Protein backbone atom coordinates (compact mmCIF):
# COMPACT_ATOMS: atom_id res chain seq x y z
CA MET A 1 149.64 73.20 120.62
CA ARG A 2 146.37 72.48 122.37
CA LYS A 3 144.46 69.23 122.50
CA ARG A 4 140.78 68.70 123.16
CA PHE A 5 141.77 66.32 125.94
CA GLU A 6 144.65 63.93 126.47
CA PRO A 7 143.68 60.77 124.50
CA GLN A 8 146.77 58.82 125.59
CA LEU A 9 146.12 57.26 128.99
CA ILE A 10 148.93 57.16 131.52
CA ILE A 11 149.58 54.57 134.21
CA GLY A 12 147.49 55.22 137.29
CA GLN A 13 145.13 57.74 135.65
CA LYS A 14 141.56 57.92 136.97
CA LEU A 15 139.06 57.98 134.11
CA VAL A 16 136.16 60.41 133.74
CA LYS A 17 133.75 57.56 132.99
CA ASP A 18 134.60 55.89 136.33
CA ILE A 19 133.38 58.85 138.42
CA GLU A 20 130.79 57.76 140.96
CA ILE A 21 128.80 60.34 142.90
CA LYS A 22 126.48 59.62 145.79
CA ARG A 23 123.55 61.79 146.79
CA SER A 24 124.68 65.25 147.87
CA ARG A 25 123.09 68.64 148.49
CA ASP A 26 126.26 70.43 147.42
CA ALA A 27 126.35 72.11 144.00
CA PHE A 28 129.68 70.73 142.81
CA PRO A 29 128.76 67.01 142.58
CA LYS A 30 125.73 67.99 140.48
CA LEU A 31 127.96 70.02 138.16
CA VAL A 32 130.33 67.04 137.86
CA LEU A 33 127.44 64.73 136.95
CA ALA A 34 126.36 67.09 134.16
CA LEU A 35 129.94 67.48 132.89
CA LYS A 36 130.37 63.70 132.89
CA LYS A 37 127.15 63.31 130.89
CA LEU A 38 128.40 65.90 128.37
CA TYR A 39 131.85 64.29 128.16
CA LEU A 40 130.44 60.82 127.47
CA ASN A 41 128.04 62.13 124.80
CA GLU A 42 130.49 62.18 121.91
CA ASP A 43 128.27 64.11 119.48
CA LEU A 44 127.60 67.01 121.84
CA ARG A 45 131.16 66.94 123.21
CA ASP A 46 132.59 67.26 119.71
CA LYS A 47 130.30 70.23 119.02
CA VAL A 48 131.61 71.99 122.16
CA PHE A 49 135.22 71.30 121.20
CA HIS A 50 134.61 72.52 117.65
CA ILE A 51 133.31 75.86 119.03
CA LEU A 52 136.28 76.16 121.41
CA GLU A 53 138.77 75.35 118.65
CA GLU A 54 137.17 77.91 116.36
CA LYS A 55 137.61 80.57 119.03
CA ILE A 56 140.98 79.64 120.53
CA MET A 57 142.89 77.97 117.68
CA THR A 58 141.93 80.15 114.70
CA GLY A 59 145.06 81.66 113.16
CA LYS A 60 147.42 79.65 115.38
CA LYS A 61 149.82 76.88 114.45
CA ARG A 62 149.11 73.33 115.53
CA THR A 63 152.70 72.91 116.66
CA GLY A 64 154.71 74.47 119.46
CA ARG A 65 154.50 74.66 123.24
CA LYS A 66 151.70 72.58 124.73
CA GLY A 67 148.77 74.60 126.05
CA MET A 68 146.02 73.74 128.52
CA ASP A 69 143.63 71.06 127.23
CA MET A 70 140.30 72.53 126.18
CA TRP A 71 138.32 70.20 128.40
CA VAL A 72 140.36 71.30 131.43
CA LEU A 73 139.79 74.96 130.48
CA PHE A 74 136.04 74.37 130.12
CA VAL A 75 135.73 72.59 133.49
CA LEU A 76 137.68 75.32 135.29
CA ALA A 77 135.45 78.06 133.84
CA GLN A 78 132.22 76.26 134.76
CA THR A 79 133.40 75.42 138.28
CA ARG A 80 134.26 79.02 139.07
CA LEU A 81 130.74 80.27 138.29
CA CYS A 82 128.77 77.26 139.56
CA LEU A 83 130.35 77.57 143.01
CA ASN A 84 130.84 81.37 142.88
CA VAL A 85 134.49 81.06 143.96
CA SER A 86 137.53 83.26 143.49
CA TYR A 87 140.48 82.31 141.30
CA ASP A 88 142.44 81.58 144.48
CA ARG A 89 140.01 78.90 145.59
CA LEU A 90 139.68 77.59 142.03
CA HIS A 91 143.48 77.20 141.93
CA HIS A 92 143.40 75.29 145.22
CA MET A 93 140.62 72.99 143.99
CA ALA A 94 142.37 72.34 140.67
CA ASN A 95 145.42 71.01 142.52
CA SER A 96 143.85 69.47 145.63
CA ASP A 97 140.24 68.39 144.98
CA THR A 98 140.24 64.76 143.79
CA LEU A 99 136.77 64.91 142.22
CA MET A 100 137.56 68.05 140.25
CA ARG A 101 140.87 66.67 139.03
CA GLN A 102 139.17 63.46 137.93
CA ILE A 103 136.48 65.27 135.90
CA MET A 104 139.29 67.28 134.26
CA GLY A 105 141.02 63.98 133.42
CA ILE A 106 144.31 64.78 135.20
CA GLU A 107 143.94 62.84 138.48
CA THR A 108 146.17 59.83 139.13
CA GLU A 109 146.36 57.17 141.83
CA SER A 110 148.59 57.75 144.83
CA GLY A 111 152.27 57.31 144.05
CA PHE A 112 152.08 58.29 140.38
CA PRO A 113 153.28 61.66 138.96
CA ARG A 114 150.75 64.49 139.33
CA ILE A 115 149.93 67.35 136.96
CA GLU A 116 149.88 70.74 138.70
CA ILE A 117 148.11 73.83 137.29
CA GLU A 118 149.57 77.28 137.93
CA TYR A 119 147.42 80.14 139.22
CA GLN A 120 148.17 82.56 136.37
CA ASN A 121 147.67 79.76 133.85
CA ILE A 122 144.04 79.41 135.01
CA ILE A 123 143.33 83.14 134.68
CA ASP A 124 144.98 83.43 131.25
CA ASN A 125 143.15 80.44 129.79
CA VAL A 126 139.68 81.23 131.14
CA ALA A 127 140.10 84.75 129.71
CA LEU A 128 140.36 83.24 126.20
CA LEU A 129 136.61 82.60 126.18
CA ASP A 130 134.14 85.30 125.18
CA ASP A 131 130.38 85.76 125.42
CA VAL A 132 129.70 84.82 121.77
CA THR A 133 131.53 81.50 122.16
CA LEU A 134 129.76 80.75 125.43
CA PHE A 135 126.37 81.59 123.92
CA LYS A 136 126.95 78.91 121.27
CA ILE A 137 128.08 76.43 123.94
CA ASN A 138 124.99 77.19 126.00
CA GLU A 139 122.82 76.13 123.04
CA ILE A 140 124.51 72.71 123.18
CA ILE A 141 124.10 72.55 126.96
CA VAL A 142 120.37 73.32 126.54
CA GLU A 143 120.16 70.52 123.96
CA LEU A 144 121.77 68.16 126.50
CA GLY A 145 119.33 69.39 129.16
CA HIS A 146 116.32 68.72 126.96
CA ASN A 147 117.63 65.19 126.27
CA VAL A 148 117.70 64.61 130.03
CA LEU A 149 114.60 66.54 131.15
CA LYS A 150 112.10 66.20 128.30
CA LYS A 151 109.70 63.26 128.47
CA LYS A 152 108.99 63.44 124.72
CA GLU A 153 111.35 64.67 122.04
CA GLU A 154 108.63 66.72 120.31
CA GLU A 155 107.44 68.33 123.57
CA ALA A 156 106.75 72.06 123.08
CA LEU A 157 108.25 74.66 125.37
CA PHE A 158 106.54 77.12 127.71
CA LEU A 159 108.86 80.09 128.07
CA LYS A 160 109.16 82.86 130.65
CA THR A 161 111.13 86.07 130.05
CA ASP A 162 112.26 88.65 132.60
CA SER A 163 115.17 90.98 133.26
CA PHE A 164 117.27 91.89 136.28
CA VAL A 165 120.32 93.96 137.15
CA VAL A 166 123.84 92.51 137.35
CA GLU A 167 125.87 94.99 139.36
CA SER A 168 129.34 96.20 138.40
CA ASN A 169 132.06 96.11 141.05
CA VAL A 170 132.06 99.88 141.62
CA HIS A 171 131.57 102.27 144.52
CA PHE A 172 128.60 104.64 144.68
CA PRO A 173 129.42 107.57 142.38
CA THR A 174 129.33 111.28 143.12
CA ASP A 175 130.95 113.92 140.93
CA TYR A 176 133.42 114.93 143.65
CA ASN A 177 134.64 111.40 144.46
CA LEU A 178 134.92 110.60 140.73
CA LEU A 179 137.02 113.75 140.42
CA TRP A 180 139.26 112.41 143.19
CA ASP A 181 139.47 109.02 141.44
CA SER A 182 140.52 110.72 138.20
CA GLY A 183 143.16 112.87 139.90
CA ARG A 184 144.74 110.08 141.92
CA LYS A 185 144.94 107.78 138.89
CA CYS A 186 146.66 110.54 136.89
CA LEU A 187 149.21 110.95 139.69
CA ASP A 188 149.72 107.18 140.03
CA ILE A 189 150.51 106.87 136.32
CA VAL A 190 152.86 109.88 136.41
CA ARG A 191 154.75 108.25 139.29
CA LYS A 192 155.11 105.05 137.27
CA ILE A 193 156.48 107.07 134.35
CA CYS A 194 158.95 108.82 136.66
CA VAL A 195 160.17 105.52 138.14
CA LYS A 196 160.61 103.98 134.68
CA ASN A 197 162.24 107.08 133.16
CA SER A 198 164.54 108.83 135.62
CA ALA A 199 165.04 111.75 133.19
CA VAL A 200 161.47 113.01 133.81
CA ARG A 201 161.52 116.06 136.07
CA GLY A 202 158.96 118.30 137.77
CA TRP A 203 156.91 115.73 139.71
CA ARG A 204 158.79 115.64 143.00
CA LYS A 205 155.62 116.81 144.80
CA ALA A 206 153.29 114.16 143.34
CA CYS A 207 152.50 112.85 146.83
CA TYR A 208 151.70 116.39 147.98
CA TRP A 209 149.28 116.84 145.04
CA ARG A 210 147.57 113.60 146.00
CA LYS A 211 147.29 114.65 149.65
CA MET A 212 145.74 118.04 148.75
CA LEU A 213 143.19 116.43 146.42
CA LYS A 214 142.21 113.80 148.96
CA ASN A 215 141.81 116.31 151.82
CA SER A 216 139.69 118.60 149.64
CA CYS A 217 137.47 115.68 148.58
CA ARG A 218 136.98 114.67 152.23
CA ARG A 219 136.17 118.23 153.30
CA LEU A 220 133.56 118.52 150.55
CA GLY A 221 132.05 115.12 151.48
CA MET A 222 131.76 116.13 155.17
CA ALA A 223 130.28 119.52 154.26
CA THR A 224 127.68 117.82 152.05
CA LYS A 225 126.55 115.52 154.88
CA SER A 226 126.57 118.13 157.67
CA GLY A 227 124.01 120.87 158.31
CA GLY A 228 124.20 124.20 160.08
CA LYS A 229 123.93 127.83 159.04
CA ASN A 230 125.20 129.07 155.68
CA LYS A 231 125.63 125.52 154.38
CA GLU A 232 125.25 126.60 150.73
CA GLU A 233 127.97 129.26 151.03
CA ARG A 234 130.34 126.82 152.72
CA LEU A 235 129.69 124.22 150.03
CA VAL A 236 130.43 126.72 147.26
CA SER A 237 133.64 127.87 148.98
CA ILE A 238 134.97 124.34 149.61
CA THR A 239 134.00 123.23 146.09
CA GLN A 240 135.75 126.22 144.51
CA TYR A 241 138.95 125.42 146.44
CA TYR A 242 138.72 121.75 145.36
CA ILE A 243 138.18 122.75 141.72
CA ASN A 244 141.11 125.19 141.80
CA ILE A 245 143.49 122.42 142.96
CA ALA A 246 142.15 120.04 140.31
CA ARG A 247 142.45 122.68 137.57
CA THR A 248 146.04 123.48 138.52
CA LEU A 249 146.86 119.75 138.36
CA GLU A 250 145.07 119.47 135.00
CA ARG A 251 147.13 122.33 133.52
CA LYS A 252 150.38 120.83 134.77
CA LEU A 253 149.49 117.41 133.33
CA LEU A 254 148.55 118.85 129.93
CA SER A 255 151.77 120.89 129.74
CA ASP A 256 154.06 117.99 130.77
CA ILE A 257 152.47 115.03 128.97
CA GLU A 258 154.23 115.89 125.69
CA ASN A 259 157.59 115.64 127.48
CA PHE A 260 156.99 112.11 128.78
CA PRO A 261 159.08 109.70 126.66
CA ILE A 262 157.59 106.86 124.60
CA GLN A 263 160.31 104.25 124.15
CA ASP A 264 158.41 100.96 124.24
CA ALA A 265 154.94 99.40 124.44
CA GLU A 266 154.72 99.95 128.21
CA ASP A 267 155.31 103.70 127.77
CA PHE A 268 152.64 103.79 125.07
CA ALA A 269 150.14 102.04 127.38
CA LEU A 270 150.90 104.48 130.21
CA HIS A 271 150.37 107.43 127.85
CA PHE A 272 147.06 105.98 126.67
CA GLN A 273 145.82 105.50 130.26
CA LEU A 274 147.02 108.97 131.30
CA ASN A 275 145.16 110.64 128.43
CA TYR A 276 141.97 108.83 129.44
CA PHE A 277 142.20 109.84 133.10
CA ILE A 278 143.06 113.47 132.20
CA GLU A 279 139.90 113.49 130.06
CA MET A 280 137.90 112.16 133.06
CA LEU A 281 139.54 114.77 135.32
CA SER A 282 138.48 117.59 132.98
CA LYS A 283 134.96 116.20 132.65
CA HIS A 284 134.34 115.98 136.40
CA ILE A 285 135.82 119.43 137.06
CA ASP A 286 133.22 120.73 134.61
CA LEU A 287 130.35 118.68 136.09
CA LEU A 288 131.16 119.67 139.69
CA GLU A 289 131.46 123.35 138.79
CA ARG A 290 128.18 123.36 136.85
CA ARG A 291 126.26 121.54 139.60
CA VAL A 292 127.52 123.33 142.73
CA ILE A 293 128.90 126.70 141.58
CA LYS A 294 126.46 127.46 138.74
CA GLY A 295 123.49 125.53 140.17
CA GLU A 296 122.73 123.58 136.97
CA GLN A 297 120.77 120.33 136.78
CA ILE A 298 123.13 117.86 135.06
CA PRO A 299 121.39 115.77 132.35
CA HIS A 300 121.55 112.02 133.01
CA SER A 301 123.15 111.39 129.63
CA GLU A 302 126.24 113.46 130.58
CA LYS A 303 126.95 111.59 133.80
CA VAL A 304 129.60 108.90 134.19
CA PHE A 305 128.98 106.42 137.00
CA SER A 306 132.45 104.87 137.12
CA ILE A 307 135.72 105.92 135.51
CA PHE A 308 136.96 102.32 135.83
CA GLU A 309 133.84 100.59 134.45
CA PRO A 310 132.43 103.25 132.07
CA TYR A 311 129.75 100.88 130.74
CA THR A 312 127.99 101.05 134.13
CA GLU A 313 124.43 102.39 134.16
CA MET A 314 122.40 103.70 137.10
CA ILE A 315 119.18 101.68 136.96
CA ASN A 316 116.00 102.45 138.85
CA LYS A 317 113.46 99.64 138.52
CA GLY A 318 110.97 101.30 140.86
CA LYS A 319 111.20 98.62 143.55
CA GLN A 320 110.97 99.25 147.28
CA HIS A 321 114.34 97.77 148.23
CA THR A 322 117.56 98.57 146.38
CA ASN A 323 115.74 101.20 144.35
CA VAL A 324 118.92 102.24 142.51
CA GLU A 325 121.46 99.72 141.19
CA LEU A 326 124.74 100.25 139.33
CA GLY A 327 125.40 97.77 136.54
CA LYS A 328 123.71 96.45 133.40
CA MET A 329 120.31 94.94 132.74
CA VAL A 330 120.42 91.26 131.77
CA GLN A 331 117.43 89.53 130.19
CA ILE A 332 116.90 85.79 130.49
CA THR A 333 114.35 83.39 129.02
CA THR A 334 113.68 80.08 130.79
CA ASP A 335 111.52 77.09 129.88
CA GLN A 336 109.29 74.83 131.97
CA HIS A 337 112.35 72.73 132.89
CA HIS A 338 114.01 75.85 134.37
CA LEU A 339 116.78 75.87 131.76
CA ILE A 340 117.91 79.26 130.46
CA VAL A 341 117.44 78.97 126.71
CA ASP A 342 118.48 82.56 125.93
CA HIS A 343 120.09 85.56 127.59
CA ARG A 344 121.30 89.00 126.56
CA VAL A 345 123.04 91.98 128.13
CA MET A 346 120.78 94.94 127.36
CA GLU A 347 122.39 98.05 125.84
CA HIS A 348 120.41 101.06 127.11
CA GLU A 349 117.23 99.20 126.18
CA VAL A 350 113.86 98.75 127.84
CA ASP A 351 112.06 95.42 128.04
CA LYS A 352 109.31 96.22 125.53
CA SER A 353 111.82 97.06 122.77
CA THR A 354 113.36 93.56 122.83
CA VAL A 355 110.29 91.36 122.42
CA LEU A 356 110.09 91.00 118.64
CA ALA A 357 113.83 90.41 118.13
CA LEU A 358 113.78 87.80 120.90
CA ALA A 359 110.73 86.04 119.40
CA ASP A 360 112.34 85.99 115.95
CA LYS A 361 115.44 84.31 117.37
CA LEU A 362 113.74 81.68 119.55
CA LEU A 363 110.88 80.74 117.23
CA ASN A 364 113.49 79.60 114.71
CA ARG A 365 115.11 77.33 117.32
CA PHE A 366 112.25 75.84 119.33
CA LEU A 367 108.65 74.70 119.14
CA ILE A 368 106.97 77.14 121.54
CA ALA A 369 103.45 76.56 122.85
CA GLY A 370 103.32 79.26 125.53
CA TRP A 371 105.23 82.36 126.55
CA SER A 372 104.79 84.67 129.54
CA PHE A 373 106.04 88.20 130.18
CA ASP A 374 105.43 90.83 132.81
CA LYS A 375 103.88 94.28 132.25
CA GLY A 376 107.16 95.90 131.28
CA PHE A 377 107.15 94.01 127.96
CA TYR A 378 103.67 95.10 126.89
CA THR A 379 102.83 97.21 123.88
CA ALA A 380 99.78 96.75 121.67
CA ASP A 381 102.03 95.87 118.69
CA ASN A 382 104.06 93.36 120.69
CA LYS A 383 100.94 91.57 121.88
CA SER A 384 99.17 91.47 118.51
CA ILE A 385 102.25 90.17 116.66
CA MET A 386 103.14 87.59 119.32
CA ASN A 387 99.54 86.29 119.35
CA MET A 388 100.02 85.29 115.70
CA PHE A 389 102.77 82.78 116.64
CA ILE A 390 102.18 81.82 120.28
CA LYS A 391 99.12 79.78 121.22
CA GLU A 392 99.13 80.78 124.89
CA LEU A 393 100.58 84.25 125.32
CA THR A 394 100.63 85.88 128.75
CA MET A 395 101.43 89.58 128.45
CA PRO A 396 99.48 91.68 130.98
CA LYS A 397 98.65 95.21 129.90
CA LYS A 398 100.33 98.10 131.65
CA GLY A 399 97.67 100.63 132.60
CA LYS A 400 93.90 100.72 132.57
CA LEU A 401 92.10 97.76 130.96
CA ASN A 402 89.09 97.98 128.66
CA GLN A 403 86.23 95.51 129.06
CA MET A 404 87.60 92.93 126.62
CA GLU A 405 91.10 93.03 128.16
CA LYS A 406 89.65 92.75 131.64
CA GLU A 407 87.70 89.62 130.66
CA GLU A 408 90.81 88.11 129.05
CA GLU A 409 93.06 88.73 132.05
CA HIS A 410 90.51 87.40 134.55
CA THR A 411 90.09 83.98 132.95
CA ARG A 412 91.23 81.02 135.01
CA ARG A 413 93.85 79.96 132.43
CA PHE A 414 95.39 83.45 132.17
CA LYS A 415 95.65 83.72 135.96
CA LYS A 416 97.28 80.29 136.17
CA LEU A 417 99.89 81.12 133.54
CA ARG A 418 100.55 84.52 135.11
CA ASN A 419 101.15 82.88 138.49
CA GLN A 420 103.49 80.35 136.88
CA HIS A 421 105.52 83.23 135.43
CA SER A 422 106.86 83.97 138.92
CA ALA A 423 109.01 80.84 138.62
CA VAL A 424 111.45 82.92 136.56
CA GLU A 425 112.12 84.97 139.72
CA SER A 426 113.43 81.85 141.46
CA ASN A 427 115.67 81.19 138.44
CA ILE A 428 117.04 84.74 138.73
CA ASN A 429 117.59 84.27 142.47
CA GLU A 430 119.54 81.06 141.86
CA LEU A 431 121.65 82.83 139.23
CA GLU A 432 122.44 85.60 141.72
CA ASN A 433 123.41 83.05 144.37
CA ARG A 434 125.79 81.50 141.87
CA GLY A 435 127.64 84.78 141.47
CA LEU A 436 125.54 86.85 139.09
CA ASP A 437 124.53 89.47 141.64
CA ARG A 438 127.78 91.40 141.17
CA CYS A 439 130.51 90.92 138.55
CA PRO A 440 134.05 91.08 140.03
CA ASP A 441 135.77 91.02 136.62
CA LYS A 442 137.08 94.27 135.12
CA GLY A 443 136.12 95.52 131.67
CA TYR A 444 132.95 95.26 129.61
CA ALA A 445 134.11 92.26 127.56
CA HIS A 446 134.84 90.38 130.79
CA PHE A 447 131.47 91.47 132.21
CA ARG A 448 129.68 89.91 129.23
CA ARG A 449 131.80 86.77 129.51
CA TYR A 450 131.03 86.51 133.23
CA VAL A 451 127.27 86.66 132.52
CA ALA A 452 127.51 84.01 129.78
CA LEU A 453 129.64 81.71 131.96
CA SER A 454 127.14 82.02 134.78
CA VAL A 455 124.26 81.00 132.50
CA CYS A 456 126.18 77.92 131.26
CA ALA A 457 127.11 76.90 134.81
CA TYR A 458 123.50 77.39 135.99
CA ASN A 459 122.18 75.12 133.21
CA LEU A 460 124.78 72.43 133.91
CA HIS A 461 123.87 72.51 137.61
CA ARG A 462 120.17 72.09 136.74
CA ILE A 463 120.98 69.12 134.49
CA GLY A 464 123.18 67.58 137.19
CA ALA A 465 120.41 67.95 139.79
CA GLU A 466 118.00 66.06 137.52
CA LEU A 467 120.60 63.34 136.82
CA MET A 468 121.12 62.93 140.57
CA ARG A 469 117.36 62.69 141.11
CA GLN A 470 117.06 60.02 138.40
CA GLN A 471 120.00 58.17 139.94
CA GLN A 472 118.28 58.12 143.35
CA CYS A 473 115.01 56.91 141.79
CA LYS A 474 116.86 53.96 140.24
CA ILE A 475 118.42 53.09 143.60
CA LYS A 476 115.03 53.18 145.34
CA TYR A 477 113.45 51.09 142.55
CA ARG A 478 116.14 48.41 142.88
CA ALA A 479 115.79 48.35 146.64
CA ALA A 480 111.99 47.97 146.49
């Protein structure tokens, strides 16, 4: 049974409403200020809890073993991404940081019993969230931000949209090292099966197979980097030897996999993983043979850039530094208050294909007076349709301008709005500094959740910074 938060106060408990924060340049006090503001706003707080209950409690009984309070879960998730910390440090903070424990509502005065949170409990509970749930929560956070930052309730928004790459936690891929990855994972799983089921025979030399594969991969890597005479012939010879070892292993795996027992769920999971890695082994044997032995040019669509994170794309944005990145494109839209009002993980899309769907979604939510894009979003249709709904649209044309377009893009107002668009780059930089440069979580669902959590934490930090600024202005006014 989960509660939103513990309504019954205990002796010695420190209350969330009693939190006092002095001026600080650190990110965490600003996050705490925003969380306190959200907690004390009952209407918005209830909306957040309703979304969390819909996700976590649907189909579950309201009785039974007590689970982590939803407010504690929410604070833990936001703290991790706001500070860009590991679960180890988050665990330490949850049990040792007084300010964090007070905003979670579990801190007590000295001498009274303390609530401790286990490490695995944090990981399991944060993993209950997903990107759809967090997107809905971010809408409420944006509403809170506009209550704090807007001078007038009916103030229209000026939006900026851009995209950037969030990297996956993968090594740089080549077909021969992905072949090694596939082979070693097959052997690791077979060894687990042999340990669990002592009746399995025929894999006494699993370590020897692994050693041969690794040595062949290293030899091929060194031959690729080195020069000298007859390099092509040496490459073909070493590659053929490497492929022969991998093919022999593949045949042995395919002949023995039917004899591996399936007695419980763990055996079934091992079989499922083994089938996947055998498939990857076969694929990269084929790719390596076609590229080196047969001299083919492998189409980009056939390549896999990580066997562990298969959603990973190789993205070339045409920039001077870090010209190739491994991950997924993420698109964000910010307003003049630097809040992220929308984000999306792009699925093999380009910027210009997302404009109309994005406009349809945001025009139904906000009053928008201006919107700026960069050249990657331009098409004639995009610009003509957006001009029907947006009073001040900044969408520079990609390519040569005609006379009318040149006059439009050289007006003082257009130049000013185009220069203001660069503010979205600072928002992206702040997001990356808060952990969204590279996702350490495994799996595509967790990647999407990580992005959504980062956006929520970024917005809360922005709100907290403004609350701290307003707090300091009040102090100065009283002192004057």
